[in-house]
Amino acid sequence: MLDQINTYITDLLGPLGPLFVIGGLGVVLALIALPAVLFQKKDPLSKLKEANNNGLSHDANGKALRIGGKNQKLDRFAQFLEPQNQEEYTQIQLTLIRAGYRSKGAVQTFHFAQFALGMSFLAMGVIYTLIAPDLGTQKSILAVLIPGSIGYYLPKYWVQRRVQTREEEISSGFPDSLDLMLVCVEAGQSLDQAIIRVAKEIRSSYEALAEEFEMVAYEMKAGKDKIKVLRDFGERCGIQDISSFVTVLIQSATFGTSIADALRVYAEEMRDKRVMRAEEKANKLPTKLTLGTMLFCLPPLLIILIGPSVYGIATNLGGGGGF
């Protein structure tokens, strides 16, 4: 009987028919089990906490301390949506922080996006394989796996692009922020006050750098060790210039030297490095334009110069003439 069913499915759906049927049954079973998991009855204690706090944490004066946090629905699947290896989890969390995603549930959301997009694109590939006529076995497998792989790696590509964009923005605005910080320090402000003022002034131009400076200021206000705050600042940004700047500030604080002098020297160095980066991009431009010149200028030039001769030769050959 099983052989008859297998033969019928193969005749109906092709060589991969049994695989499609098994996959469809798996999807149906998952859809049946999903509502039972997502719509579980809430614990009475959780209902009481939500009624009292309205989903927020409050201080003694009733002021909200933190908004948001982990998604409760995704938190149920934390063991599936979070890496169990602590080192891998820390690395992914640091990458998301560098991309600008600092919420508690960022790691869970990232892995859920990978899973959801991967399964969605995989389902689209299966539908295309069922609709498309006379696809071979190899093409059918590729039509299913390639969209699934694209959907799975799409969130990772998006995060990497975000990281690159933020790093470029921070690198561009860092020399200007150092000049402004130097002015604030020389005017008599402390380093904490200077960082707050710089974050406020550069927000309209370099929002990512302003957010990083604001986080440094808030951590210092909270009483966290200044050296630890600066090291975390350099690690979050992941840029060599900022890491060197953090080292300069730590050494200045350790040896008791003037922060204004250290900022003056380092700000001048950053300005020189920005000019060098601009010159480097300008020197790379002719090389990059060479390919475009060859593709768009050389063929029309050859057509203009050689075209009449080719046309004359073709006319003479077609008319039976000779040289």
C-alpha atoms as a PDB file:
ATOM      1  CA  MET A   1       0.000   0.000   0.000  1.00  0.00           C
ATOM      2  CA  LEU A   2       2.850   2.365   0.838  1.00  0.00           C
ATOM      3  CA  ASP A   3       4.421   1.624  -2.537  1.00  0.00           C
ATOM      4  CA  GLN A   4       1.159   2.500  -4.268  1.00  0.00           C
ATOM      5  CA  ILE A   5       0.890   5.778  -2.352  1.00  0.00           C
ATOM      6  CA  ASN A   6       4.505   6.599  -3.144  1.00  0.00           C
ATOM      7  CA  THR A   7       3.979   5.844  -6.837  1.00  0.00           C
ATOM      8  CA  TYR A   8       0.818   7.973  -6.928  1.00  0.00           C
ATOM      9  CA  ILE A   9       2.569  10.937  -5.258  1.00  0.00           C
ATOM     10  CA  THR A  10       5.574  10.595  -7.591  1.00  0.00           C
ATOM     11  CA  ASP A  11       3.333  10.546 -10.654  1.00  0.00           C
ATOM     12  CA  LEU A  12       1.387  13.540  -9.383  1.00  0.00           C
ATOM     13  CA  LEU A  13       4.177  15.814  -8.077  1.00  0.00           C
ATOM     14  CA  GLY A  14       7.301  14.444  -9.702  1.00  0.00           C
ATOM     15  CA  PRO A  15      10.415  12.768  -8.242  1.00  0.00           C
ATOM     16  CA  LEU A  16      10.458  15.104  -5.234  1.00  0.00           C
ATOM     17  CA  GLY A  17       6.786  14.536  -4.469  1.00  0.00           C
ATOM     18  CA  PRO A  18       7.304  12.510  -1.246  1.00  0.00           C
ATOM     19  CA  LEU A  19       9.672  15.199   0.036  1.00  0.00           C
ATOM     20  CA  PHE A  20       7.091  17.912  -0.640  1.00  0.00           C
ATOM     21  CA  VAL A  21       4.389  15.908   1.131  1.00  0.00           C
ATOM     22  CA  ILE A  22       6.561  15.362   4.209  1.00  0.00           C
ATOM     23  CA  GLY A  23       7.504  19.028   4.295  1.00  0.00           C
ATOM     24  CA  GLY A  24       3.865  20.058   3.933  1.00  0.00           C
ATOM     25  CA  LEU A  25       2.840  17.781   6.787  1.00  0.00           C
ATOM     26  CA  GLY A  26       5.570  19.281   8.950  1.00  0.00           C
ATOM     27  CA  VAL A  27       4.355  22.811   8.200  1.00  0.00           C
ATOM     28  CA  VAL A  28       0.751  21.822   8.965  1.00  0.00           C
ATOM     29  CA  LEU A  29       1.749  20.267  12.287  1.00  0.00           C
ATOM     30  CA  ALA A  30       3.778  23.372  13.183  1.00  0.00           C
ATOM     31  CA  LEU A  31       0.820  25.628  12.352  1.00  0.00           C
ATOM     32  CA  ILE A  32      -1.455  23.468  14.498  1.00  0.00           C
ATOM     33  CA  ALA A  33       0.914  23.585  17.469  1.00  0.00           C
ATOM     34  CA  LEU A  34       1.800  27.288  17.149  1.00  0.00           C
ATOM     35  CA  PRO A  35      -1.487  28.760  18.475  1.00  0.00           C
ATOM     36  CA  ALA A  36      -1.348  26.492  21.514  1.00  0.00           C
ATOM     37  CA  VAL A  37       2.095  27.836  22.353  1.00  0.00           C
ATOM     38  CA  LEU A  38       1.531  31.514  21.563  1.00  0.00           C
ATOM     39  CA  PHE A  39      -1.879  31.880  23.175  1.00  0.00           C
ATOM     40  CA  GLN A  40      -1.254  30.183  26.486  1.00  0.00           C
ATOM     41  CA  LYS A  41      -3.165  31.433  29.484  1.00  0.00           C
ATOM     42  CA  LYS A  42      -1.255  33.999  31.475  1.00  0.00           C
ATOM     43  CA  ASP A  43      -0.110  33.283  34.961  1.00  0.00           C
ATOM     44  CA  PRO A  44      -2.292  35.164  37.515  1.00  0.00           C
ATOM     45  CA  LEU A  45       0.830  36.612  39.135  1.00  0.00           C
ATOM     46  CA  SER A  46       1.951  38.018  35.771  1.00  0.00           C
ATOM     47  CA  LYS A  47      -1.468  39.577  35.252  1.00  0.00           C
ATOM     48  CA  LEU A  48      -1.249  41.209  38.679  1.00  0.00           C
ATOM     49  CA  LYS A  49       2.209  42.649  37.952  1.00  0.00           C
ATOM     50  CA  GLU A  50       1.077  44.025  34.589  1.00  0.00           C
ATOM     51  CA  ALA A  51      -1.995  45.598  36.193  1.00  0.00           C
ATOM     52  CA  ASN A  52       0.109  47.290  38.884  1.00  0.00           C
ATOM     53  CA  ASN A  53       3.088  48.387  36.773  1.00  0.00           C
ATOM     54  CA  ASN A  54       1.445  48.655  33.357  1.00  0.00           C
ATOM     55  CA  GLY A  55       4.502  46.967  31.859  1.00  0.00           C
ATOM     56  CA  LEU A  56       6.982  49.522  33.295  1.00  0.00           C
ATOM     57  CA  SER A  57       9.415  49.671  36.182  1.00  0.00           C
ATOM     58  CA  HIS A  58       8.976  52.641  38.526  1.00  0.00           C
ATOM     59  CA  ASP A  59      11.068  54.359  41.140  1.00  0.00           C
ATOM     60  CA  ALA A  60       9.942  55.586  44.552  1.00  0.00           C
ATOM     61  CA  ASN A  61       8.384  58.717  43.035  1.00  0.00           C
ATOM     62  CA  GLY A  62       6.395  56.745  40.484  1.00  0.00           C
ATOM     63  CA  LYS A  63       8.566  57.802  37.546  1.00  0.00           C
ATOM     64  CA  ALA A  64       9.145  55.207  34.850  1.00  0.00           C
ATOM     65  CA  LEU A  65      12.707  53.917  34.848  1.00  0.00           C
ATOM     66  CA  ARG A  66      12.750  51.726  31.761  1.00  0.00           C
ATOM     67  CA  ILE A  67      10.470  51.351  28.792  1.00  0.00           C
ATOM     68  CA  GLY A  68      10.379  48.195  26.716  1.00  0.00           C
ATOM     69  CA  GLY A  69      12.698  45.249  27.090  1.00  0.00           C
ATOM     70  CA  LYS A  70      12.440  41.732  25.812  1.00  0.00           C
ATOM     71  CA  ASN A  71       9.471  40.660  23.754  1.00  0.00           C
ATOM     72  CA  GLN A  72       7.499  38.326  26.011  1.00  0.00           C
ATOM     73  CA  LYS A  73       6.290  36.175  23.125  1.00  0.00           C
ATOM     74  CA  LEU A  74       9.822  35.733  21.786  1.00  0.00           C
ATOM     75  CA  ASP A  75      11.184  35.264  25.292  1.00  0.00           C
ATOM     76  CA  ARG A  76       9.262  31.995  25.511  1.00  0.00           C
ATOM     77  CA  PHE A  77      11.489  30.621  22.757  1.00  0.00           C
ATOM     78  CA  ALA A  78      14.731  32.061  24.166  1.00  0.00           C
ATOM     79  CA  GLN A  79      16.424  28.667  24.193  1.00  0.00           C
ATOM     80  CA  PHE A  80      15.829  28.406  20.434  1.00  0.00           C
ATOM     81  CA  LEU A  81      16.356  32.071  19.485  1.00  0.00           C
ATOM     82  CA  GLU A  82      19.489  32.746  21.556  1.00  0.00           C
ATOM     83  CA  PRO A  83      22.895  31.073  21.226  1.00  0.00           C
ATOM     84  CA  GLN A  84      23.585  28.856  24.207  1.00  0.00           C
ATOM     85  CA  ASN A  85      27.299  29.586  23.952  1.00  0.00           C
ATOM     86  CA  GLN A  86      27.986  32.711  26.035  1.00  0.00           C
ATOM     87  CA  GLU A  87      30.894  33.837  23.845  1.00  0.00           C
ATOM     88  CA  GLU A  88      28.815  33.593  20.673  1.00  0.00           C
ATOM     89  CA  TYR A  89      25.918  35.407  22.364  1.00  0.00           C
ATOM     90  CA  THR A  90      28.224  38.230  23.494  1.00  0.00           C
ATOM     91  CA  GLN A  91      29.676  38.603  20.009  1.00  0.00           C
ATOM     92  CA  ILE A  92      26.252  38.829  18.357  1.00  0.00           C
ATOM     93  CA  GLN A  93      25.049  41.283  20.999  1.00  0.00           C
ATOM     94  CA  LEU A  94      28.119  43.487  20.459  1.00  0.00           C
ATOM     95  CA  THR A  95      27.549  43.454  16.689  1.00  0.00           C
ATOM     96  CA  LEU A  96      23.919  44.503  17.162  1.00  0.00           C
ATOM     97  CA  ILE A  97      24.968  47.271  19.565  1.00  0.00           C
ATOM     98  CA  ARG A  98      27.430  48.558  16.966  1.00  0.00           C
ATOM     99  CA  ALA A  99      24.550  48.540  14.480  1.00  0.00           C
ATOM    100  CA  GLY A 100      22.448  50.669  16.851  1.00  0.00           C
ATOM    101  CA  TYR A 101      20.159  47.962  18.271  1.00  0.00           C
ATOM    102  CA  ARG A 102      20.590  48.119  22.052  1.00  0.00           C
ATOM    103  CA  SER A 103      17.349  46.642  23.374  1.00  0.00           C
ATOM    104  CA  LYS A 104      17.364  43.538  25.551  1.00  0.00           C
ATOM    105  CA  GLY A 105      15.526  41.486  22.964  1.00  0.00           C
ATOM    106  CA  ALA A 106      17.724  42.489  20.011  1.00  0.00           C
ATOM    107  CA  VAL A 107      19.416  39.076  19.821  1.00  0.00           C
ATOM    108  CA  GLN A 108      16.099  37.241  19.939  1.00  0.00           C
ATOM    109  CA  THR A 109      14.578  39.531  17.319  1.00  0.00           C
ATOM    110  CA  PHE A 110      17.600  39.074  15.053  1.00  0.00           C
ATOM    111  CA  HIS A 111      17.423  35.266  15.165  1.00  0.00           C
ATOM    112  CA  PHE A 112      13.637  35.328  14.791  1.00  0.00           C
ATOM    113  CA  ALA A 113      14.016  37.497  11.670  1.00  0.00           C
ATOM    114  CA  GLN A 114      16.516  34.994  10.283  1.00  0.00           C
ATOM    115  CA  PHE A 115      14.160  32.092  10.994  1.00  0.00           C
ATOM    116  CA  ALA A 116      11.016  33.831   9.697  1.00  0.00           C
ATOM    117  CA  LEU A 117      12.591  35.149   6.493  1.00  0.00           C
ATOM    118  CA  GLY A 118      14.376  31.859   5.857  1.00  0.00           C
ATOM    119  CA  MET A 119      11.145  29.866   6.193  1.00  0.00           C
ATOM    120  CA  SER A 120       9.154  32.400   4.144  1.00  0.00           C
ATOM    121  CA  PHE A 121      11.614  32.400   1.260  1.00  0.00           C
ATOM    122  CA  LEU A 122      11.870  28.621   1.513  1.00  0.00           C
ATOM    123  CA  ALA A 123       8.086  28.316   1.204  1.00  0.00           C
ATOM    124  CA  MET A 124       8.166  30.635  -1.818  1.00  0.00           C
ATOM    125  CA  GLY A 125      10.782  28.386  -3.402  1.00  0.00           C
ATOM    126  CA  VAL A 126       8.616  25.304  -2.767  1.00  0.00           C
ATOM    127  CA  ILE A 127       5.583  27.023  -4.295  1.00  0.00           C
ATOM    128  CA  TYR A 128       7.632  28.029  -7.340  1.00  0.00           C
ATOM    129  CA  THR A 129       8.867  24.448  -7.719  1.00  0.00           C
ATOM    130  CA  LEU A 130       5.309  23.129  -7.622  1.00  0.00           C
ATOM    131  CA  ILE A 131       4.049  25.695 -10.122  1.00  0.00           C
ATOM    132  CA  ALA A 132       6.975  25.672 -12.561  1.00  0.00           C
ATOM    133  CA  PRO A 133       6.636  22.944 -15.210  1.00  0.00           C
ATOM    134  CA  ASP A 134       9.229  20.209 -15.836  1.00  0.00           C
ATOM    135  CA  LEU A 135      12.009  21.243 -13.472  1.00  0.00           C
ATOM    136  CA  GLY A 136      14.749  18.703 -12.993  1.00  0.00           C
ATOM    137  CA  THR A 137      15.779  17.368  -9.620  1.00  0.00           C
ATOM    138  CA  GLN A 138      18.868  19.561  -9.359  1.00  0.00           C
ATOM    139  CA  LYS A 139      17.034  22.732 -10.428  1.00  0.00           C
ATOM    140  CA  SER A 140      14.193  21.991  -8.019  1.00  0.00           C
ATOM    141  CA  ILE A 141      16.569  21.618  -5.087  1.00  0.00           C
ATOM    142  CA  LEU A 142      18.363  24.851  -6.014  1.00  0.00           C
ATOM    143  CA  ALA A 143      15.039  26.673  -6.457  1.00  0.00           C
ATOM    144  CA  VAL A 144      14.119  25.733  -2.885  1.00  0.00           C
ATOM    145  CA  LEU A 145      17.476  26.143  -1.117  1.00  0.00           C
ATOM    146  CA  ILE A 146      18.722  29.368  -2.714  1.00  0.00           C
ATOM    147  CA  PRO A 147      15.720  31.547  -1.655  1.00  0.00           C
ATOM    148  CA  GLY A 148      15.834  30.005   1.839  1.00  0.00           C
ATOM    149  CA  SER A 149      19.545  30.833   2.159  1.00  0.00           C
ATOM    150  CA  ILE A 150      18.933  34.390   0.931  1.00  0.00           C
ATOM    151  CA  GLY A 151      16.160  34.902   3.474  1.00  0.00           C
ATOM    152  CA  TYR A 152      18.287  33.478   6.286  1.00  0.00           C
ATOM    153  CA  TYR A 153      21.328  35.676   5.569  1.00  0.00           C
ATOM    154  CA  LEU A 154      19.370  38.839   4.712  1.00  0.00           C
ATOM    155  CA  PRO A 155      19.142  40.096   8.356  1.00  0.00           C
ATOM    156  CA  LYS A 156      22.873  39.482   8.804  1.00  0.00           C
ATOM    157  CA  TYR A 157      23.637  41.504   5.679  1.00  0.00           C
ATOM    158  CA  TRP A 158      21.365  44.309   6.909  1.00  0.00           C
ATOM    159  CA  VAL A 159      23.111  44.419  10.298  1.00  0.00           C
ATOM    160  CA  GLN A 160      26.555  44.476   8.680  1.00  0.00           C
ATOM    161  CA  ARG A 161      25.513  47.353   6.448  1.00  0.00           C
ATOM    162  CA  ARG A 162      24.183  49.236   9.470  1.00  0.00           C
ATOM    163  CA  VAL A 163      27.469  48.675  11.298  1.00  0.00           C
ATOM    164  CA  GLN A 164      29.448  49.959   8.328  1.00  0.00           C
ATOM    165  CA  THR A 165      27.229  53.036   7.933  1.00  0.00           C
ATOM    166  CA  ARG A 166      27.471  53.924  11.631  1.00  0.00           C
ATOM    167  CA  GLU A 167      31.246  53.461  11.658  1.00  0.00           C
ATOM    168  CA  GLU A 168      31.609  55.779   8.669  1.00  0.00           C
ATOM    169  CA  GLU A 169      29.375  58.382  10.326  1.00  0.00           C
ATOM    170  CA  ILE A 170      31.268  58.181  13.621  1.00  0.00           C
ATOM    171  CA  SER A 171      34.652  58.392  11.879  1.00  0.00           C
ATOM    172  CA  SER A 172      33.518  61.453   9.912  1.00  0.00           C
ATOM    173  CA  GLY A 173      32.238  63.340  12.941  1.00  0.00           C
ATOM    174  CA  PHE A 174      34.905  62.369  15.448  1.00  0.00           C
ATOM    175  CA  PRO A 175      37.488  65.101  14.527  1.00  0.00           C
ATOM    176  CA  ASP A 176      34.834  67.826  14.804  1.00  0.00           C
ATOM    177  CA  SER A 177      33.661  66.471  18.159  1.00  0.00           C
ATOM    178  CA  LEU A 178      37.247  66.517  19.469  1.00  0.00           C
ATOM    179  CA  ASP A 179      37.658  70.170  18.471  1.00  0.00           C
ATOM    180  CA  LEU A 180      34.407  71.052  20.236  1.00  0.00           C
ATOM    181  CA  MET A 181      35.396  69.023  23.295  1.00  0.00           C
ATOM    182  CA  LEU A 182      38.748  70.824  23.416  1.00  0.00           C
ATOM    183  CA  VAL A 183      36.957  74.200  23.363  1.00  0.00           C
ATOM    184  CA  CYS A 184      34.667  73.109  26.217  1.00  0.00           C
ATOM    185  CA  VAL A 185      37.542  71.808  28.359  1.00  0.00           C
ATOM    186  CA  GLU A 186      39.630  74.925  27.793  1.00  0.00           C
ATOM    187  CA  ALA A 187      36.596  77.028  28.748  1.00  0.00           C
ATOM    188  CA  GLY A 188      36.691  75.457  32.217  1.00  0.00           C
ATOM    189  CA  GLN A 189      34.199  72.601  31.918  1.00  0.00           C
ATOM    190  CA  SER A 190      34.956  69.141  33.245  1.00  0.00           C
ATOM    191  CA  LEU A 191      35.251  66.162  30.931  1.00  0.00           C
ATOM    192  CA  ASP A 192      31.758  64.940  31.866  1.00  0.00           C
ATOM    193  CA  GLN A 193      30.182  68.322  31.132  1.00  0.00           C
ATOM    194  CA  ALA A 194      32.167  68.619  27.895  1.00  0.00           C
ATOM    195  CA  ILE A 195      30.915  65.223  26.688  1.00  0.00           C
ATOM    196  CA  ILE A 196      27.295  66.191  27.424  1.00  0.00           C
ATOM    197  CA  ARG A 197      27.685  69.508  25.582  1.00  0.00           C
ATOM    198  CA  VAL A 198      29.363  67.838  22.585  1.00  0.00           C
ATOM    199  CA  ALA A 199      26.601  65.240  22.355  1.00  0.00           C
ATOM    200  CA  LYS A 200      24.004  68.008  22.349  1.00  0.00           C
ATOM    201  CA  GLU A 201      25.750  70.107  19.702  1.00  0.00           C
ATOM    202  CA  ILE A 202      26.585  67.360  17.181  1.00  0.00           C
ATOM    203  CA  ARG A 203      23.248  65.506  17.310  1.00  0.00           C
ATOM    204  CA  SER A 204      21.894  67.253  14.220  1.00  0.00           C
ATOM    205  CA  SER A 205      24.955  66.322  12.144  1.00  0.00           C
ATOM    206  CA  TYR A 206      26.215  63.029  13.587  1.00  0.00           C
ATOM    207  CA  GLU A 207      23.410  61.316  15.455  1.00  0.00           C
ATOM    208  CA  ALA A 208      25.214  57.997  15.958  1.00  0.00           C
ATOM    209  CA  LEU A 209      28.236  59.665  17.592  1.00  0.00           C
ATOM    210  CA  ALA A 210      25.932  61.820  19.744  1.00  0.00           C
ATOM    211  CA  GLU A 211      24.191  58.684  21.023  1.00  0.00           C
ATOM    212  CA  GLU A 212      27.516  57.125  21.989  1.00  0.00           C
ATOM    213  CA  PHE A 213      28.622  60.272  23.849  1.00  0.00           C
ATOM    214  CA  GLU A 214      25.274  60.450  25.642  1.00  0.00           C
ATOM    215  CA  MET A 215      25.650  56.865  26.781  1.00  0.00           C
ATOM    216  CA  VAL A 216      29.112  57.662  28.140  1.00  0.00           C
ATOM    217  CA  ALA A 217      27.698  60.672  30.011  1.00  0.00           C
ATOM    218  CA  TYR A 218      24.796  58.671  31.492  1.00  0.00           C
ATOM    219  CA  GLU A 219      27.075  55.872  32.666  1.00  0.00           C
ATOM    220  CA  MET A 220      29.386  58.367  34.339  1.00  0.00           C
ATOM    221  CA  LYS A 221      26.391  60.014  36.042  1.00  0.00           C
ATOM    222  CA  ALA A 222      25.261  56.617  37.276  1.00  0.00           C
ATOM    223  CA  GLY A 223      28.553  56.242  39.149  1.00  0.00           C
ATOM    224  CA  LYS A 224      30.243  53.685  36.929  1.00  0.00           C
ATOM    225  CA  ASP A 225      34.036  53.711  36.954  1.00  0.00           C
ATOM    226  CA  LYS A 226      35.272  56.278  34.433  1.00  0.00           C
ATOM    227  CA  ILE A 227      38.002  54.042  33.003  1.00  0.00           C
ATOM    228  CA  LYS A 228      35.494  51.202  32.538  1.00  0.00           C
ATOM    229  CA  VAL A 229      33.066  53.584  30.843  1.00  0.00           C
ATOM    230  CA  LEU A 230      35.721  54.786  28.408  1.00  0.00           C
ATOM    231  CA  ARG A 231      36.844  51.239  27.591  1.00  0.00           C
ATOM    232  CA  ASP A 232      33.247  50.219  26.928  1.00  0.00           C
ATOM    233  CA  PHE A 233      32.884  53.278  24.692  1.00  0.00           C
ATOM    234  CA  GLY A 234      35.837  52.184  22.563  1.00  0.00           C
ATOM    235  CA  GLU A 235      34.589  48.590  22.399  1.00  0.00           C
ATOM    236  CA  ARG A 236      31.053  49.622  21.390  1.00  0.00           C
ATOM    237  CA  CYS A 237      32.245  51.799  18.530  1.00  0.00           C
ATOM    238  CA  GLY A 238      34.838  49.322  17.229  1.00  0.00           C
ATOM    239  CA  ILE A 239      36.893  52.093  15.563  1.00  0.00           C
ATOM    240  CA  GLN A 240      40.647  52.347  15.968  1.00  0.00           C
ATOM    241  CA  ASP A 241      40.668  56.152  16.285  1.00  0.00           C
ATOM    242  CA  ILE A 242      38.224  56.056  19.205  1.00  0.00           C
ATOM    243  CA  SER A 243      40.122  53.221  20.880  1.00  0.00           C
ATOM    244  CA  SER A 244      43.298  55.311  20.666  1.00  0.00           C
ATOM    245  CA  PHE A 245      41.417  58.333  22.026  1.00  0.00           C
ATOM    246  CA  VAL A 246      40.187  56.256  24.981  1.00  0.00           C
ATOM    247  CA  THR A 247      43.761  55.132  25.653  1.00  0.00           C
ATOM    248  CA  VAL A 248      44.937  58.757  25.633  1.00  0.00           C
ATOM    249  CA  LEU A 249      42.260  59.800  28.150  1.00  0.00           C
ATOM    250  CA  ILE A 250      42.998  56.844  30.436  1.00  0.00           C
ATOM    251  CA  GLN A 251      46.720  57.575  30.393  1.00  0.00           C
ATOM    252  CA  SER A 252      46.067  61.264  31.031  1.00  0.00           C
ATOM    253  CA  ALA A 253      43.866  60.417  34.026  1.00  0.00           C
ATOM    254  CA  THR A 254      46.352  57.834  35.336  1.00  0.00           C
ATOM    255  CA  PHE A 255      49.449  60.014  35.173  1.00  0.00           C
ATOM    256  CA  GLY A 256      47.697  63.261  36.109  1.00  0.00           C
ATOM    257  CA  THR A 257      48.573  65.196  32.944  1.00  0.00           C
ATOM    258  CA  SER A 258      46.381  67.915  31.479  1.00  0.00           C
ATOM    259  CA  ILE A 259      43.383  66.613  29.550  1.00  0.00           C
ATOM    260  CA  ALA A 260      43.312  69.821  27.478  1.00  0.00           C
ATOM    261  CA  ASP A 261      46.872  69.241  26.240  1.00  0.00           C
ATOM    262  CA  ALA A 262      46.084  65.610  25.366  1.00  0.00           C
ATOM    263  CA  LEU A 263      42.940  66.667  23.519  1.00  0.00           C
ATOM    264  CA  ARG A 264      44.796  69.395  21.629  1.00  0.00           C
ATOM    265  CA  VAL A 265      47.456  67.004  20.347  1.00  0.00           C
ATOM    266  CA  TYR A 266      45.017  64.254  19.496  1.00  0.00           C
ATOM    267  CA  ALA A 267      42.529  66.622  17.801  1.00  0.00           C
ATOM    268  CA  GLU A 268      45.310  67.909  15.561  1.00  0.00           C
ATOM    269  CA  GLU A 269      46.261  64.350  14.707  1.00  0.00           C
ATOM    270  CA  MET A 270      42.656  63.489  13.857  1.00  0.00           C
ATOM    271  CA  ARG A 271      42.398  66.492  11.534  1.00  0.00           C
ATOM    272  CA  ASP A 272      45.537  65.357   9.725  1.00  0.00           C
ATOM    273  CA  LYS A 273      44.173  61.828   9.414  1.00  0.00           C
ATOM    274  CA  ARG A 274      40.906  63.142   7.965  1.00  0.00           C
ATOM    275  CA  VAL A 275      42.839  65.103   5.343  1.00  0.00           C
ATOM    276  CA  MET A 276      44.879  61.987   4.553  1.00  0.00           C
ATOM    277  CA  ARG A 277      41.715  59.911   4.143  1.00  0.00           C
ATOM    278  CA  ALA A 278      40.275  62.528   1.765  1.00  0.00           C
ATOM    279  CA  GLU A 279      43.497  62.520  -0.269  1.00  0.00           C
ATOM    280  CA  GLU A 280      43.466  58.734  -0.366  1.00  0.00           C
ATOM    281  CA  LYS A 281      39.933  58.701  -1.758  1.00  0.00           C
ATOM    282  CA  ALA A 282      40.892  61.351  -4.320  1.00  0.00           C
ATOM    283  CA  ASN A 283      43.893  59.280  -5.462  1.00  0.00           C
ATOM    284  CA  LYS A 284      41.716  56.170  -5.828  1.00  0.00           C
ATOM    285  CA  LEU A 285      39.193  57.995  -8.004  1.00  0.00           C
ATOM    286  CA  PRO A 286      41.158  57.875 -11.336  1.00  0.00           C
ATOM    287  CA  THR A 287      41.661  54.133 -10.947  1.00  0.00           C
ATOM    288  CA  LYS A 288      37.958  53.584 -10.314  1.00  0.00           C
ATOM    289  CA  LEU A 289      37.039  55.742 -13.310  1.00  0.00           C
ATOM    290  CA  THR A 290      39.288  53.740 -15.629  1.00  0.00           C
ATOM    291  CA  LEU A 291      36.830  50.856 -15.923  1.00  0.00           C
ATOM    292  CA  GLY A 292      33.916  53.189 -16.602  1.00  0.00           C
ATOM    293  CA  THR A 293      35.961  55.053 -19.200  1.00  0.00           C
ATOM    294  CA  MET A 294      36.837  51.815 -20.972  1.00  0.00           C
ATOM    295  CA  LEU A 295      33.229  50.605 -20.956  1.00  0.00           C
ATOM    296  CA  PHE A 296      31.443  53.805 -21.983  1.00  0.00           C
ATOM    297  CA  CYS A 297      34.009  55.859 -23.929  1.00  0.00           C
ATOM    298  CA  LEU A 298      36.171  53.373 -25.799  1.00  0.00           C
ATOM    299  CA  PRO A 299      33.405  51.417 -27.641  1.00  0.00           C
ATOM    300  CA  PRO A 300      31.732  54.565 -29.087  1.00  0.00           C
ATOM    301  CA  LEU A 301      35.151  55.859 -30.134  1.00  0.00           C
ATOM    302  CA  LEU A 302      35.951  52.609 -31.929  1.00  0.00           C
ATOM    303  CA  ILE A 303      32.555  52.696 -33.642  1.00  0.00           C
ATOM    304  CA  ILE A 304      33.160  56.248 -34.856  1.00  0.00           C
ATOM    305  CA  LEU A 305      36.692  55.521 -36.124  1.00  0.00           C
ATOM    306  CA  ILE A 306      36.351  52.008 -37.508  1.00  0.00           C
ATOM    307  CA  GLY A 307      32.631  51.941 -38.327  1.00  0.00           C
ATOM    308  CA  PRO A 308      32.840  53.669 -41.760  1.00  0.00           C
ATOM    309  CA  SER A 309      35.679  51.400 -42.842  1.00  0.00           C
ATOM    310  CA  VAL A 310      33.807  48.265 -41.763  1.00  0.00           C
ATOM    311  CA  TYR A 311      30.694  49.491 -43.563  1.00  0.00           C
ATOM    312  CA  GLY A 312      32.700  50.176 -46.741  1.00  0.00           C
ATOM    313  CA  ILE A 313      34.326  46.754 -46.653  1.00  0.00           C
ATOM    314  CA  ALA A 314      30.975  45.050 -46.101  1.00  0.00           C
ATOM    315  CA  THR A 315      29.419  47.028 -48.994  1.00  0.00           C
ATOM    316  CA  ASN A 316      32.243  46.107 -51.374  1.00  0.00           C
ATOM    317  CA  LEU A 317      32.064  42.448 -50.429  1.00  0.00           C
ATOM    318  CA  GLY A 318      28.284  42.398 -50.777  1.00  0.00           C
ATOM    319  CA  GLY A 319      28.445  44.115 -54.187  1.00  0.00           C
ATOM    320  CA  GLY A 320      31.020  41.702 -55.536  1.00  0.00           C
ATOM    321  CA  GLY A 321      33.740  44.299 -55.671  1.00  0.00           C
ATOM    322  CA  GLY A 322      37.398  43.678 -54.828  1.00  0.00           C
ATOM    323  CA  PHE A 323      40.298  45.526 -53.346  1.00  0.00           C
END
